[in-house]
C-alpha atoms as a PDB file:
ATOM      1  CA  MET A   1     126.903 109.420 281.098  1.00  0.00           C
ATOM      2  CA  LEU A   2     126.235 113.587 281.607  1.00  0.00           C
ATOM      3  CA  CYS A   3     122.332 114.364 282.398  1.00  0.00           C
ATOM      4  CA  VAL A   4     121.396 117.843 283.003  1.00  0.00           C
ATOM      5  CA  LEU A   5     118.053 119.501 284.016  1.00  0.00           C
ATOM      6  CA  VAL A   6     117.284 122.953 282.223  1.00  0.00           C
ATOM      7  CA  ASP A   7     113.957 124.148 283.412  1.00  0.00           C
ATOM      8  CA  ALA A   8     112.481 125.929 280.656  1.00  0.00           C
ATOM      9  CA  GLY A   9     109.881 127.744 281.874  1.00  0.00           C
ATOM     10  CA  ALA A  10     113.151 130.061 284.053  1.00  0.00           C
ATOM     11  CA  GLY A  11     113.856 131.464 280.991  1.00  0.00           C
ATOM     12  CA  ALA A  12     113.396 134.987 279.327  1.00  0.00           C
ATOM     13  CA  SER A  13     110.047 135.501 277.176  1.00  0.00           C
ATOM     14  CA  HIS A  14     111.073 135.911 273.348  1.00  0.00           C
ATOM     15  CA  SER A  15     108.410 137.201 270.981  1.00  0.00           C
ATOM     16  CA  PHE A  16     108.800 137.356 267.391  1.00  0.00           C
ATOM     17  CA  ASP A  17     107.379 138.335 263.904  1.00  0.00           C
ATOM     18  CA  ALA A  18     106.357 136.123 261.314  1.00  0.00           C
ATOM     19  CA  ASP A  19     107.446 137.655 257.874  1.00  0.00           C
ATOM     20  CA  ILE A  20     104.415 134.624 255.902  1.00  0.00           C
ATOM     21  CA  ASP A  21     105.621 136.009 252.790  1.00  0.00           C
ATOM     22  CA  PHE A  22     109.849 135.643 253.385  1.00  0.00           C
ATOM     23  CA  LEU A  23     110.248 132.070 251.249  1.00  0.00           C
ATOM     24  CA  ASN A  24     108.059 132.306 247.937  1.00  0.00           C
ATOM     25  CA  PRO A  25     108.584 128.797 246.048  1.00  0.00           C
ATOM     26  CA  PRO A  26     107.983 128.645 242.136  1.00  0.00           C
ATOM     27  CA  ASN A  27     103.908 128.619 241.938  1.00  0.00           C
ATOM     28  CA  ASP A  28     104.280 124.417 240.891  1.00  0.00           C
ATOM     29  CA  LEU A  29     105.790 123.431 244.049  1.00  0.00           C
ATOM     30  CA  SER A  30     104.514 122.897 247.108  1.00  0.00           C
ATOM     31  CA  LEU A  31     106.870 122.444 250.464  1.00  0.00           C
ATOM     32  CA  GLY A  32     104.720 120.161 252.730  1.00  0.00           C
ATOM     33  CA  GLU A  33     106.320 119.205 255.584  1.00  0.00           C
ATOM     34  CA  VAL A  34     110.080 120.623 256.221  1.00  0.00           C
ATOM     35  CA  THR A  35     112.043 118.281 258.070  1.00  0.00           C
ATOM     36  CA  GLY A  36     115.162 120.904 258.515  1.00  0.00           C
ATOM     37  CA  VAL A  37     115.702 124.513 257.899  1.00  0.00           C
ATOM     38  CA  ALA A  38     119.905 125.147 257.752  1.00  0.00           C
ATOM     39  CA  VAL A  39     121.505 128.493 256.641  1.00  0.00           C
ATOM     40  CA  ASN A  40     125.010 128.627 256.200  1.00  0.00           C
ATOM     41  CA  SER A  41     127.838 131.557 256.282  1.00  0.00           C
ATOM     42  CA  LYS A  42     126.865 133.007 252.557  1.00  0.00           C
ATOM     43  CA  LYS A  43     123.184 133.571 253.949  1.00  0.00           C
ATOM     44  CA  GLN A  44     121.666 130.817 251.588  1.00  0.00           C
ATOM     45  CA  ILE A  45     118.005 128.874 252.920  1.00  0.00           C
ATOM     46  CA  PHE A  46     118.022 125.261 252.584  1.00  0.00           C
ATOM     47  CA  VAL A  47     115.018 123.573 253.132  1.00  0.00           C
ATOM     48  CA  VAL A  48     114.673 119.103 253.549  1.00  0.00           C
END
């Protein structure tokens, strides 16, 4: 068994801007809690 410890504080700081209007589901659909998000090679987004 191989165990690797990584210090999360040693990496570079990342910043981003969120686009809250990026994913607009239909008005009668509520996403609720999301288990996972994936993107395929065609840049299609899947929300589970």
